[in-house]
Amino acid sequence: MTVSDIVGEAMDIHKLYRDKKERYEKILGLLRRVGLNSEHANRYPHEFSGGQRQRVGIARALAVDPEFIVCDEPVSALDVSIQAQVINMFEELQKDLGLTYLFIAHDLSVVNHISDRIGVMYLGHLVEVADAEELIFHSVHPYTVSLISAVPIADPVLARKSERKILKGDEPSPLNPPSGCTFRTRCPYAKKRCAEAAPELREVSPGHFCACYHL
């Protein structure tokens, strides 16, 4: 499929144009919005770089005028410089179109840059949820604390002063998780109660929720 067919497929399914001319104009408009041009419309994906392919994917997602977009690891396969370009584009689109994103990623520095609120998951369970700045600087769940301590710090002086919180033990299988709190087998604060029942999310400060008996 050409880029034009890829971007236009959703419009075809949902009948979002009156004629072929309007379809083509909408496709070109979407490509321009994501930083591509009309020359790209008749090319094929293998002719593009990774960053350009990601832009095509974003144009395809925008084709149905969505209000909510799920972004599952949208920049993990890209070089750092291209990551920055794509993330900046996400932010511009959000501002221009009023979009809401569910941004799923493992890179906390990227997550912090783009997110208003962050939810941290362990073995499929939410363990902490808070506004981005609150979670990064005042995390309370031991798993979140460990994750944040692993984020590289560019300043060598600050990096030497920081303390890495290394988790012990092996991560359990998601197919056979531990009873109670799924994090207990790697938690330095685990007690008997943690094996009996999973803790529920509770508010530890305004808008900041955590699932942990230790708090």
N, C-alpha and C. Protein backbone atom coordinates (compact mmCIF):
# COMPACT_ATOMS: atom_id res chain seq x y z
N MET A 1 0.83 -1.21 0.00
CA MET A 1 0.00 0.00 0.00
C MET A 1 0.86 1.25 0.00
N THR A 2 0.44 2.25 -0.75
CA THR A 2 1.13 3.53 -0.73
C THR A 2 0.75 4.28 0.54
N VAL A 3 1.49 5.33 0.84
CA VAL A 3 1.19 6.15 2.01
C VAL A 3 -0.22 6.73 1.89
N SER A 4 -0.60 7.13 0.68
CA SER A 4 -1.94 7.67 0.46
C SER A 4 -3.01 6.65 0.83
N ASP A 5 -2.82 5.39 0.44
CA ASP A 5 -3.80 4.34 0.76
C ASP A 5 -3.81 4.03 2.25
N ILE A 6 -2.63 4.05 2.87
CA ILE A 6 -2.53 3.76 4.31
C ILE A 6 -3.28 4.81 5.12
N VAL A 7 -3.04 6.09 4.80
CA VAL A 7 -3.69 7.17 5.54
C VAL A 7 -5.18 7.23 5.22
N GLY A 8 -5.54 6.92 3.98
CA GLY A 8 -6.94 7.03 3.56
C GLY A 8 -7.81 5.85 3.90
N GLU A 9 -7.21 4.74 4.36
CA GLU A 9 -7.98 3.53 4.60
C GLU A 9 -9.11 3.74 5.61
N ALA A 10 -8.80 4.41 6.73
CA ALA A 10 -9.82 4.63 7.75
C ALA A 10 -10.93 5.53 7.22
N MET A 11 -10.56 6.51 6.39
CA MET A 11 -11.57 7.39 5.79
C MET A 11 -12.47 6.60 4.84
N ASP A 12 -11.89 5.61 4.15
CA ASP A 12 -12.70 4.76 3.27
C ASP A 12 -13.71 3.95 4.08
N ILE A 13 -13.25 3.38 5.19
CA ILE A 13 -14.11 2.52 6.01
C ILE A 13 -15.27 3.32 6.60
N HIS A 14 -14.97 4.54 7.06
CA HIS A 14 -15.99 5.34 7.76
C HIS A 14 -16.68 6.36 6.85
N LYS A 15 -16.35 6.29 5.54
CA LYS A 15 -17.02 7.17 4.55
C LYS A 15 -16.92 8.65 4.97
N LEU A 16 -15.70 9.13 5.12
CA LEU A 16 -15.47 10.48 5.63
C LEU A 16 -15.16 11.50 4.52
N TYR A 17 -15.56 11.23 3.30
CA TYR A 17 -15.35 12.17 2.21
C TYR A 17 -16.48 12.01 1.20
N ARG A 18 -16.68 13.06 0.40
CA ARG A 18 -17.77 13.04 -0.59
C ARG A 18 -17.32 12.47 -1.93
N ASP A 19 -16.07 12.76 -2.30
CA ASP A 19 -15.56 12.29 -3.59
C ASP A 19 -14.05 12.09 -3.49
N LYS A 20 -13.45 11.57 -4.55
CA LYS A 20 -12.02 11.26 -4.55
C LYS A 20 -11.16 12.50 -4.37
N LYS A 21 -11.65 13.63 -4.91
CA LYS A 21 -10.89 14.86 -4.77
C LYS A 21 -10.79 15.28 -3.31
N GLU A 22 -11.91 15.21 -2.59
CA GLU A 22 -11.90 15.57 -1.17
C GLU A 22 -11.04 14.59 -0.37
N ARG A 23 -11.12 13.32 -0.74
CA ARG A 23 -10.29 12.31 -0.06
C ARG A 23 -8.82 12.65 -0.21
N TYR A 24 -8.39 12.95 -1.44
CA TYR A 24 -6.98 13.25 -1.71
C TYR A 24 -6.55 14.52 -0.97
N GLU A 25 -7.41 15.54 -0.96
CA GLU A 25 -7.07 16.79 -0.27
C GLU A 25 -6.93 16.57 1.24
N LYS A 26 -7.80 15.72 1.80
CA LYS A 26 -7.71 15.42 3.24
C LYS A 26 -6.41 14.69 3.55
N ILE A 27 -6.03 13.75 2.69
CA ILE A 27 -4.79 12.99 2.90
C ILE A 27 -3.58 13.93 2.86
N LEU A 28 -3.54 14.82 1.88
CA LEU A 28 -2.43 15.76 1.77
C LEU A 28 -2.39 16.69 2.99
N GLY A 29 -3.56 17.09 3.47
CA GLY A 29 -3.62 17.94 4.65
C GLY A 29 -3.07 17.23 5.88
N LEU A 30 -3.40 15.96 6.02
CA LEU A 30 -2.89 15.18 7.15
C LEU A 30 -1.38 15.00 7.06
N LEU A 31 -0.88 14.74 5.86
CA LEU A 31 0.57 14.58 5.70
C LEU A 31 1.30 15.88 6.03
N ARG A 32 0.76 17.00 5.59
CA ARG A 32 1.39 18.30 5.91
C ARG A 32 1.38 18.54 7.41
N ARG A 33 0.31 18.14 8.06
CA ARG A 33 0.20 18.38 9.51
C ARG A 33 1.27 17.62 10.28
N VAL A 34 1.70 16.47 9.77
CA VAL A 34 2.72 15.69 10.48
C VAL A 34 4.12 15.89 9.89
N GLY A 35 4.29 16.92 9.06
CA GLY A 35 5.62 17.26 8.58
C GLY A 35 6.05 16.56 7.30
N LEU A 36 5.12 15.97 6.57
CA LEU A 36 5.42 15.36 5.28
C LEU A 36 4.80 16.23 4.19
N ASN A 37 4.97 15.85 2.91
CA ASN A 37 4.41 16.67 1.84
C ASN A 37 3.75 15.80 0.77
N SER A 38 3.22 16.44 -0.26
CA SER A 38 2.44 15.73 -1.28
C SER A 38 3.27 14.70 -2.03
N GLU A 39 4.57 14.91 -2.13
CA GLU A 39 5.43 13.96 -2.83
C GLU A 39 5.49 12.61 -2.13
N HIS A 40 5.24 12.62 -0.83
CA HIS A 40 5.31 11.38 -0.05
C HIS A 40 4.07 10.50 -0.24
N ALA A 41 2.99 11.06 -0.76
CA ALA A 41 1.71 10.35 -0.80
C ALA A 41 1.76 9.08 -1.63
N ASN A 42 2.51 9.09 -2.72
CA ASN A 42 2.54 7.93 -3.62
C ASN A 42 3.74 7.02 -3.40
N ARG A 43 4.46 7.23 -2.32
CA ARG A 43 5.59 6.36 -2.01
C ARG A 43 5.14 5.22 -1.10
N TYR A 44 6.06 4.28 -0.88
CA TYR A 44 5.77 3.11 -0.05
C TYR A 44 6.57 3.18 1.25
N PRO A 45 6.10 2.52 2.30
CA PRO A 45 6.75 2.62 3.62
C PRO A 45 8.24 2.28 3.61
N HIS A 46 8.67 1.30 2.79
CA HIS A 46 10.08 0.91 2.81
C HIS A 46 11.00 2.01 2.29
N GLU A 47 10.42 3.05 1.68
CA GLU A 47 11.21 4.16 1.17
C GLU A 47 11.45 5.24 2.22
N PHE A 48 10.91 5.05 3.43
CA PHE A 48 10.99 6.08 4.46
C PHE A 48 11.89 5.67 5.61
N SER A 49 12.37 6.66 6.34
CA SER A 49 13.11 6.42 7.58
C SER A 49 12.13 6.03 8.68
N GLY A 50 12.68 5.59 9.82
CA GLY A 50 11.82 5.21 10.94
C GLY A 50 10.97 6.36 11.43
N GLY A 51 11.57 7.55 11.51
CA GLY A 51 10.83 8.72 11.97
C GLY A 51 9.71 9.10 11.02
N GLN A 52 9.97 8.99 9.71
CA GLN A 52 8.95 9.31 8.71
C GLN A 52 7.81 8.29 8.76
N ARG A 53 8.14 7.04 8.96
CA ARG A 53 7.10 6.02 9.07
C ARG A 53 6.20 6.29 10.27
N GLN A 54 6.82 6.73 11.36
CA GLN A 54 6.02 7.04 12.54
C GLN A 54 5.08 8.21 12.26
N ARG A 55 5.54 9.16 11.46
CA ARG A 55 4.69 10.30 11.09
C ARG A 55 3.51 9.82 10.23
N VAL A 56 3.76 8.85 9.36
CA VAL A 56 2.68 8.29 8.56
C VAL A 56 1.65 7.62 9.46
N GLY A 57 2.14 6.89 10.45
CA GLY A 57 1.23 6.23 11.40
C GLY A 57 0.39 7.23 12.17
N ILE A 58 0.99 8.35 12.53
CA ILE A 58 0.25 9.39 13.27
C ILE A 58 -0.79 10.03 12.36
N ALA A 59 -0.43 10.28 11.09
CA ALA A 59 -1.39 10.83 10.13
C ALA A 59 -2.57 9.88 9.96
N ARG A 60 -2.30 8.58 9.93
CA ARG A 60 -3.38 7.59 9.81
C ARG A 60 -4.30 7.64 11.03
N ALA A 61 -3.71 7.82 12.22
CA ALA A 61 -4.52 7.89 13.44
C ALA A 61 -5.39 9.15 13.44
N LEU A 62 -4.90 10.22 12.84
CA LEU A 62 -5.64 11.49 12.83
C LEU A 62 -6.73 11.52 11.77
N ALA A 63 -6.74 10.53 10.87
CA ALA A 63 -7.64 10.56 9.72
C ALA A 63 -9.12 10.55 10.09
N VAL A 64 -9.45 10.03 11.28
CA VAL A 64 -10.86 9.95 11.68
C VAL A 64 -11.23 11.02 12.71
N ASP A 65 -10.40 12.07 12.82
CA ASP A 65 -10.64 13.17 13.76
C ASP A 65 -10.88 12.67 15.19
N PRO A 66 -9.93 11.94 15.75
CA PRO A 66 -10.15 11.36 17.09
C PRO A 66 -10.02 12.41 18.19
N GLU A 67 -10.62 12.12 19.34
CA GLU A 67 -10.42 12.94 20.53
C GLU A 67 -9.41 12.28 21.46
N PHE A 68 -9.28 10.95 21.33
CA PHE A 68 -8.44 10.17 22.25
C PHE A 68 -7.58 9.21 21.44
N ILE A 69 -6.27 9.22 21.68
CA ILE A 69 -5.36 8.34 20.94
C ILE A 69 -4.50 7.54 21.92
N VAL A 70 -4.44 6.24 21.72
CA VAL A 70 -3.56 5.38 22.50
C VAL A 70 -2.22 5.27 21.78
N CYS A 71 -1.16 5.69 22.44
CA CYS A 71 0.19 5.67 21.86
C CYS A 71 1.02 4.62 22.59
N ASP A 72 1.15 3.45 22.00
CA ASP A 72 1.86 2.33 22.64
C ASP A 72 3.31 2.31 22.17
N GLU A 73 4.23 2.73 23.04
CA GLU A 73 5.66 2.80 22.73
C GLU A 73 5.90 3.50 21.39
N PRO A 74 5.41 4.73 21.20
CA PRO A 74 5.48 5.37 19.88
C PRO A 74 6.87 5.85 19.48
N VAL A 75 7.80 5.95 20.43
CA VAL A 75 9.14 6.45 20.06
C VAL A 75 10.27 5.51 20.47
N SER A 76 9.93 4.32 20.96
CA SER A 76 10.96 3.43 21.51
C SER A 76 11.96 2.94 20.47
N ALA A 77 11.55 2.84 19.20
CA ALA A 77 12.44 2.32 18.16
C ALA A 77 13.18 3.41 17.41
N LEU A 78 13.07 4.67 17.87
CA LEU A 78 13.65 5.79 17.15
C LEU A 78 14.91 6.30 17.84
N ASP A 79 15.80 6.92 17.05
CA ASP A 79 16.97 7.57 17.62
C ASP A 79 16.52 8.72 18.52
N VAL A 80 17.39 9.09 19.47
CA VAL A 80 17.02 10.11 20.45
C VAL A 80 16.63 11.42 19.79
N SER A 81 17.38 11.86 18.77
CA SER A 81 17.07 13.13 18.11
C SER A 81 15.72 13.06 17.41
N ILE A 82 15.40 11.90 16.81
CA ILE A 82 14.11 11.74 16.14
C ILE A 82 13.00 11.62 17.17
N GLN A 83 13.30 10.99 18.30
CA GLN A 83 12.32 10.91 19.39
C GLN A 83 11.84 12.31 19.78
N ALA A 84 12.80 13.23 19.93
CA ALA A 84 12.46 14.59 20.34
C ALA A 84 11.56 15.26 19.32
N GLN A 85 11.83 15.05 18.03
CA GLN A 85 11.00 15.64 16.97
C GLN A 85 9.57 15.11 17.03
N VAL A 86 9.45 13.79 17.21
CA VAL A 86 8.12 13.17 17.22
C VAL A 86 7.34 13.59 18.47
N ILE A 87 8.01 13.66 19.61
CA ILE A 87 7.34 14.06 20.84
C ILE A 87 6.87 15.52 20.75
N ASN A 88 7.73 16.38 20.18
CA ASN A 88 7.33 17.78 19.99
C ASN A 88 6.11 17.87 19.07
N MET A 89 6.08 17.01 18.07
CA MET A 89 4.93 16.99 17.17
C MET A 89 3.66 16.53 17.92
N PHE A 90 3.79 15.52 18.77
CA PHE A 90 2.66 15.08 19.59
C PHE A 90 2.11 16.25 20.40
N GLU A 91 3.00 17.03 20.99
CA GLU A 91 2.58 18.15 21.83
C GLU A 91 1.89 19.24 21.00
N GLU A 92 2.41 19.50 19.81
CA GLU A 92 1.80 20.50 18.93
C GLU A 92 0.40 20.06 18.49
N LEU A 93 0.28 18.77 18.14
CA LEU A 93 -1.02 18.25 17.73
C LEU A 93 -2.02 18.30 18.88
N GLN A 94 -1.54 17.99 20.08
CA GLN A 94 -2.41 18.04 21.25
C GLN A 94 -2.95 19.45 21.46
N LYS A 95 -2.06 20.43 21.31
CA LYS A 95 -2.45 21.84 21.50
C LYS A 95 -3.41 22.30 20.41
N ASP A 96 -3.12 21.93 19.16
CA ASP A 96 -3.92 22.39 18.02
C ASP A 96 -5.28 21.70 17.92
N LEU A 97 -5.31 20.41 18.25
CA LEU A 97 -6.52 19.61 18.02
C LEU A 97 -7.26 19.24 19.30
N GLY A 98 -6.70 19.61 20.45
CA GLY A 98 -7.37 19.28 21.71
C GLY A 98 -7.39 17.80 22.00
N LEU A 99 -6.33 17.08 21.64
CA LEU A 99 -6.28 15.63 21.79
C LEU A 99 -5.97 15.22 23.23
N THR A 100 -6.41 14.02 23.58
CA THR A 100 -6.00 13.36 24.82
C THR A 100 -5.23 12.11 24.44
N TYR A 101 -4.06 11.91 25.07
CA TYR A 101 -3.24 10.73 24.79
C TYR A 101 -3.19 9.80 26.00
N LEU A 102 -3.21 8.51 25.72
CA LEU A 102 -2.76 7.52 26.70
C LEU A 102 -1.41 7.07 26.17
N PHE A 103 -0.35 7.53 26.81
CA PHE A 103 1.01 7.35 26.30
C PHE A 103 1.68 6.23 27.09
N ILE A 104 1.90 5.09 26.45
CA ILE A 104 2.48 3.92 27.10
C ILE A 104 3.97 3.82 26.73
N ALA A 105 4.85 3.81 27.72
CA ALA A 105 6.28 3.76 27.43
C ALA A 105 7.05 3.27 28.65
N HIS A 106 8.29 2.83 28.41
CA HIS A 106 9.17 2.41 29.49
C HIS A 106 10.18 3.49 29.86
N ASP A 107 10.38 4.46 28.99
CA ASP A 107 11.37 5.52 29.21
C ASP A 107 10.71 6.63 30.04
N LEU A 108 11.07 6.69 31.34
CA LEU A 108 10.41 7.64 32.22
C LEU A 108 10.73 9.09 31.89
N SER A 109 11.91 9.36 31.31
CA SER A 109 12.23 10.73 30.93
C SER A 109 11.30 11.21 29.82
N VAL A 110 10.98 10.31 28.87
CA VAL A 110 10.03 10.64 27.81
C VAL A 110 8.63 10.80 28.39
N VAL A 111 8.24 9.87 29.25
CA VAL A 111 6.92 9.91 29.88
C VAL A 111 6.74 11.22 30.65
N ASN A 112 7.74 11.60 31.42
CA ASN A 112 7.66 12.82 32.22
C ASN A 112 7.53 14.05 31.34
N HIS A 113 8.20 14.05 30.19
CA HIS A 113 8.20 15.21 29.30
C HIS A 113 6.81 15.46 28.71
N ILE A 114 6.11 14.40 28.37
CA ILE A 114 4.85 14.57 27.62
C ILE A 114 3.60 14.46 28.49
N SER A 115 3.72 13.91 29.69
CA SER A 115 2.52 13.55 30.46
C SER A 115 2.10 14.62 31.47
N ASP A 116 0.78 14.74 31.66
CA ASP A 116 0.23 15.55 32.75
C ASP A 116 0.10 14.70 34.01
N ARG A 117 -0.34 13.45 33.82
CA ARG A 117 -0.41 12.49 34.93
C ARG A 117 0.26 11.19 34.51
N ILE A 118 0.83 10.50 35.47
CA ILE A 118 1.55 9.25 35.19
C ILE A 118 1.01 8.15 36.07
N GLY A 119 0.78 6.99 35.47
CA GLY A 119 0.42 5.79 36.22
C GLY A 119 1.52 4.75 36.03
N VAL A 120 2.01 4.20 37.12
CA VAL A 120 3.07 3.18 37.07
C VAL A 120 2.44 1.81 37.27
N MET A 121 2.78 0.87 36.37
CA MET A 121 2.22 -0.47 36.45
C MET A 121 3.29 -1.51 36.74
N TYR A 122 2.92 -2.52 37.49
CA TYR A 122 3.80 -3.67 37.74
C TYR A 122 2.99 -4.94 37.54
N LEU A 123 3.42 -5.79 36.62
CA LEU A 123 2.72 -7.03 36.29
C LEU A 123 1.23 -6.77 36.01
N GLY A 124 0.96 -5.70 35.28
CA GLY A 124 -0.41 -5.42 34.86
C GLY A 124 -1.27 -4.72 35.89
N HIS A 125 -0.71 -4.33 37.03
CA HIS A 125 -1.47 -3.67 38.08
C HIS A 125 -0.94 -2.25 38.29
N LEU A 126 -1.84 -1.29 38.40
CA LEU A 126 -1.44 0.07 38.75
C LEU A 126 -0.97 0.10 40.20
N VAL A 127 0.24 0.60 40.42
CA VAL A 127 0.74 0.66 41.79
C VAL A 127 0.86 2.10 42.29
N GLU A 128 0.91 3.07 41.36
CA GLU A 128 0.99 4.47 41.77
C GLU A 128 0.50 5.37 40.64
N VAL A 129 -0.27 6.39 40.99
CA VAL A 129 -0.80 7.36 40.02
C VAL A 129 -0.72 8.74 40.64
N ALA A 130 -0.18 9.70 39.87
CA ALA A 130 -0.09 11.07 40.37
C ALA A 130 0.20 12.01 39.21
N ASP A 131 0.09 13.32 39.47
CA ASP A 131 0.54 14.29 38.49
C ASP A 131 2.02 14.05 38.21
N ALA A 132 2.44 14.36 36.99
CA ALA A 132 3.79 13.98 36.54
C ALA A 132 4.88 14.48 37.49
N GLU A 133 4.86 15.76 37.81
CA GLU A 133 5.92 16.32 38.66
C GLU A 133 5.87 15.71 40.06
N GLU A 134 4.67 15.52 40.59
CA GLU A 134 4.51 14.93 41.92
C GLU A 134 5.09 13.52 41.94
N LEU A 135 4.81 12.73 40.90
CA LEU A 135 5.28 11.34 40.89
C LEU A 135 6.79 11.27 40.73
N ILE A 136 7.36 12.11 39.88
CA ILE A 136 8.81 12.06 39.65
C ILE A 136 9.58 12.50 40.89
N PHE A 137 9.11 13.53 41.58
CA PHE A 137 9.89 14.09 42.70
C PHE A 137 9.42 13.61 44.07
N HIS A 138 8.21 13.02 44.15
CA HIS A 138 7.72 12.58 45.45
C HIS A 138 7.08 11.19 45.34
N SER A 139 7.69 10.30 44.58
CA SER A 139 7.16 8.94 44.46
C SER A 139 7.25 8.23 45.82
N VAL A 140 6.31 7.34 46.08
CA VAL A 140 6.27 6.66 47.37
C VAL A 140 6.29 5.13 47.25
N HIS A 141 5.80 4.59 46.14
CA HIS A 141 5.83 3.14 46.00
C HIS A 141 7.26 2.68 45.75
N PRO A 142 7.72 1.60 46.39
CA PRO A 142 9.11 1.17 46.23
C PRO A 142 9.49 0.83 44.78
N TYR A 143 8.53 0.35 44.00
CA TYR A 143 8.83 0.07 42.59
C TYR A 143 9.04 1.36 41.81
N THR A 144 8.19 2.35 42.04
CA THR A 144 8.34 3.64 41.37
C THR A 144 9.67 4.30 41.76
N VAL A 145 9.99 4.25 43.04
CA VAL A 145 11.26 4.83 43.52
C VAL A 145 12.44 4.19 42.80
N SER A 146 12.40 2.87 42.64
CA SER A 146 13.47 2.16 41.95
C SER A 146 13.55 2.56 40.48
N LEU A 147 12.39 2.66 39.82
CA LEU A 147 12.36 3.05 38.41
C LEU A 147 12.99 4.43 38.21
N ILE A 148 12.60 5.38 39.03
CA ILE A 148 13.08 6.75 38.87
C ILE A 148 14.57 6.84 39.17
N SER A 149 15.04 6.05 40.12
CA SER A 149 16.48 6.08 40.45
C SER A 149 17.33 5.55 39.30
N ALA A 150 16.71 4.80 38.37
CA ALA A 150 17.44 4.21 37.25
C ALA A 150 17.53 5.16 36.05
N VAL A 151 16.80 6.28 36.09
CA VAL A 151 16.84 7.23 34.97
C VAL A 151 18.20 7.91 34.94
N PRO A 152 18.93 7.87 33.81
CA PRO A 152 20.25 8.51 33.73
C PRO A 152 20.17 10.01 33.99
N ILE A 153 21.16 10.55 34.69
CA ILE A 153 21.25 11.99 34.98
C ILE A 153 22.42 12.56 34.19
N ALA A 154 22.14 13.60 33.40
CA ALA A 154 23.17 14.16 32.51
C ALA A 154 24.28 14.87 33.28
N ASP A 155 23.96 15.46 34.43
CA ASP A 155 24.94 16.20 35.22
C ASP A 155 25.79 15.20 36.01
N PRO A 156 27.11 15.10 35.76
CA PRO A 156 27.93 14.10 36.45
C PRO A 156 28.01 14.31 37.95
N VAL A 157 27.95 15.57 38.41
CA VAL A 157 28.01 15.85 39.85
C VAL A 157 26.76 15.31 40.53
N LEU A 158 25.60 15.61 39.95
CA LEU A 158 24.35 15.10 40.50
C LEU A 158 24.26 13.58 40.38
N ALA A 159 24.80 13.05 39.29
CA ALA A 159 24.76 11.60 39.07
C ALA A 159 25.54 10.87 40.16
N ARG A 160 26.69 11.43 40.57
CA ARG A 160 27.49 10.79 41.62
C ARG A 160 26.79 10.85 42.97
N LYS A 161 25.98 11.88 43.17
CA LYS A 161 25.29 12.03 44.45
C LYS A 161 24.02 11.18 44.53
N SER A 162 23.49 10.81 43.38
CA SER A 162 22.25 10.04 43.36
C SER A 162 22.49 8.61 43.81
N GLU A 163 21.47 8.00 44.37
CA GLU A 163 21.58 6.62 44.87
C GLU A 163 20.64 5.72 44.08
N ARG A 164 21.19 4.71 43.44
CA ARG A 164 20.39 3.77 42.67
C ARG A 164 19.71 2.77 43.60
N LYS A 165 18.40 2.66 43.47
CA LYS A 165 17.62 1.72 44.28
C LYS A 165 17.44 0.42 43.48
N ILE A 166 18.33 -0.53 43.71
CA ILE A 166 18.33 -1.76 42.92
C ILE A 166 17.41 -2.80 43.58
N LEU A 167 16.52 -3.35 42.78
CA LEU A 167 15.60 -4.38 43.28
C LEU A 167 16.28 -5.73 43.30
N LYS A 168 16.00 -6.51 44.31
CA LYS A 168 16.54 -7.87 44.41
C LYS A 168 15.48 -8.87 43.98
N GLY A 169 15.94 -10.04 43.59
CA GLY A 169 15.02 -11.10 43.20
C GLY A 169 14.65 -11.01 41.73
N ASP A 170 14.07 -12.09 41.22
CA ASP A 170 13.67 -12.16 39.82
C ASP A 170 12.21 -11.73 39.67
N GLU A 171 11.91 -11.12 38.54
CA GLU A 171 10.53 -10.71 38.28
C GLU A 171 9.67 -11.94 38.05
N PRO A 172 8.55 -12.05 38.74
CA PRO A 172 7.68 -13.23 38.58
C PRO A 172 7.06 -13.26 37.19
N SER A 173 6.56 -14.43 36.82
CA SER A 173 5.87 -14.56 35.53
C SER A 173 4.48 -13.94 35.62
N PRO A 174 4.09 -13.14 34.62
CA PRO A 174 2.73 -12.59 34.61
C PRO A 174 1.67 -13.68 34.53
N LEU A 175 2.05 -14.88 34.03
CA LEU A 175 1.11 -15.99 33.94
C LEU A 175 0.87 -16.66 35.29
N ASN A 176 1.83 -16.46 36.21
CA ASN A 176 1.69 -17.06 37.54
C ASN A 176 2.18 -16.07 38.59
N PRO A 177 1.46 -14.96 38.76
CA PRO A 177 1.91 -13.91 39.68
C PRO A 177 1.79 -14.35 41.13
N PRO A 178 2.54 -13.73 42.02
CA PRO A 178 2.45 -14.05 43.45
C PRO A 178 1.07 -13.70 44.00
N SER A 179 0.70 -14.33 45.07
CA SER A 179 -0.56 -13.99 45.73
C SER A 179 -0.44 -12.62 46.38
N GLY A 180 -1.58 -12.00 46.63
CA GLY A 180 -1.56 -10.70 47.30
C GLY A 180 -0.94 -9.64 46.41
N CYS A 181 -0.02 -8.87 46.98
CA CYS A 181 0.68 -7.83 46.23
C CYS A 181 1.67 -8.48 45.27
N THR A 182 1.53 -8.20 43.98
CA THR A 182 2.41 -8.85 42.98
C THR A 182 3.86 -8.40 43.10
N PHE A 183 4.11 -7.30 43.79
CA PHE A 183 5.47 -6.78 43.92
C PHE A 183 6.19 -7.33 45.16
N ARG A 184 5.49 -8.06 45.99
CA ARG A 184 6.04 -8.42 47.30
C ARG A 184 7.32 -9.26 47.23
N THR A 185 7.49 -10.06 46.17
CA THR A 185 8.68 -10.92 46.10
C THR A 185 9.96 -10.13 45.83
N ARG A 186 9.82 -8.85 45.48
CA ARG A 186 11.00 -8.01 45.23
C ARG A 186 11.01 -6.77 46.13
N CYS A 187 10.05 -6.70 47.04
CA CYS A 187 9.89 -5.51 47.87
C CYS A 187 10.68 -5.63 49.17
N PRO A 188 11.48 -4.63 49.52
CA PRO A 188 12.26 -4.69 50.77
C PRO A 188 11.39 -4.53 52.02
N TYR A 189 10.13 -4.12 51.85
CA TYR A 189 9.26 -3.88 53.00
C TYR A 189 8.17 -4.94 53.14
N ALA A 190 8.23 -6.00 52.36
CA ALA A 190 7.15 -6.99 52.32
C ALA A 190 6.95 -7.65 53.70
N LYS A 191 5.68 -7.78 54.08
CA LYS A 191 5.30 -8.44 55.32
C LYS A 191 4.28 -9.54 55.00
N LYS A 192 3.89 -10.30 56.03
CA LYS A 192 2.94 -11.40 55.85
C LYS A 192 1.64 -10.92 55.21
N ARG A 193 1.19 -9.75 55.62
CA ARG A 193 -0.06 -9.19 55.10
C ARG A 193 -0.03 -9.02 53.58
N CYS A 194 1.14 -8.72 53.04
CA CYS A 194 1.28 -8.46 51.60
C CYS A 194 0.97 -9.71 50.77
N ALA A 195 1.17 -10.90 51.36
CA ALA A 195 0.90 -12.15 50.64
C ALA A 195 -0.58 -12.54 50.71
N GLU A 196 -1.30 -11.96 51.64
CA GLU A 196 -2.68 -12.38 51.87
C GLU A 196 -3.69 -11.68 50.96
N ALA A 197 -3.47 -10.41 50.69
CA ALA A 197 -4.42 -9.66 49.86
C ALA A 197 -3.70 -8.51 49.18
N ALA A 198 -4.10 -8.22 47.95
CA ALA A 198 -3.48 -7.13 47.20
C ALA A 198 -3.95 -5.78 47.75
N PRO A 199 -3.03 -4.86 47.98
CA PRO A 199 -3.44 -3.54 48.47
C PRO A 199 -4.19 -2.76 47.39
N GLU A 200 -5.16 -1.97 47.79
CA GLU A 200 -5.91 -1.15 46.85
C GLU A 200 -5.28 0.24 46.75
N LEU A 201 -5.50 0.89 45.61
CA LEU A 201 -5.03 2.26 45.47
C LEU A 201 -5.72 3.15 46.49
N ARG A 202 -4.95 3.92 47.25
CA ARG A 202 -5.55 4.88 48.17
C ARG A 202 -4.80 6.21 48.06
N GLU A 203 -5.50 7.26 48.37
CA GLU A 203 -4.95 8.61 48.21
C GLU A 203 -4.00 8.93 49.37
N VAL A 204 -2.72 9.15 49.04
CA VAL A 204 -1.74 9.47 50.07
C VAL A 204 -1.50 10.97 50.19
N SER A 205 -1.87 11.71 49.15
CA SER A 205 -1.87 13.17 49.16
C SER A 205 -2.83 13.58 48.04
N PRO A 206 -3.27 14.84 47.99
CA PRO A 206 -4.27 15.22 46.99
C PRO A 206 -3.88 14.83 45.56
N GLY A 207 -4.69 13.96 44.94
CA GLY A 207 -4.44 13.53 43.57
C GLY A 207 -3.35 12.49 43.41
N HIS A 208 -2.75 12.03 44.50
CA HIS A 208 -1.64 11.07 44.47
C HIS A 208 -2.11 9.77 45.12
N PHE A 209 -2.16 8.70 44.31
CA PHE A 209 -2.66 7.42 44.78
C PHE A 209 -1.57 6.35 44.73
N CYS A 210 -1.58 5.47 45.71
CA CYS A 210 -0.58 4.41 45.77
C CYS A 210 -1.20 3.14 46.35
N ALA A 211 -0.76 1.98 45.83
CA ALA A 211 -1.23 0.70 46.33
C ALA A 211 -0.09 0.03 47.11
N CYS A 212 -0.03 0.28 48.40
CA CYS A 212 1.06 -0.28 49.22
C CYS A 212 0.67 -0.25 50.68
N TYR A 213 0.88 -1.37 51.40
CA TYR A 213 0.58 -1.43 52.82
C TYR A 213 1.64 -0.72 53.66
N HIS A 214 2.82 -0.52 53.11
CA HIS A 214 3.93 0.05 53.86
C HIS A 214 3.70 1.52 54.21
N LEU A 215 2.84 2.21 53.45
CA LEU A 215 2.64 3.65 53.64
C LEU A 215 1.74 3.93 54.85
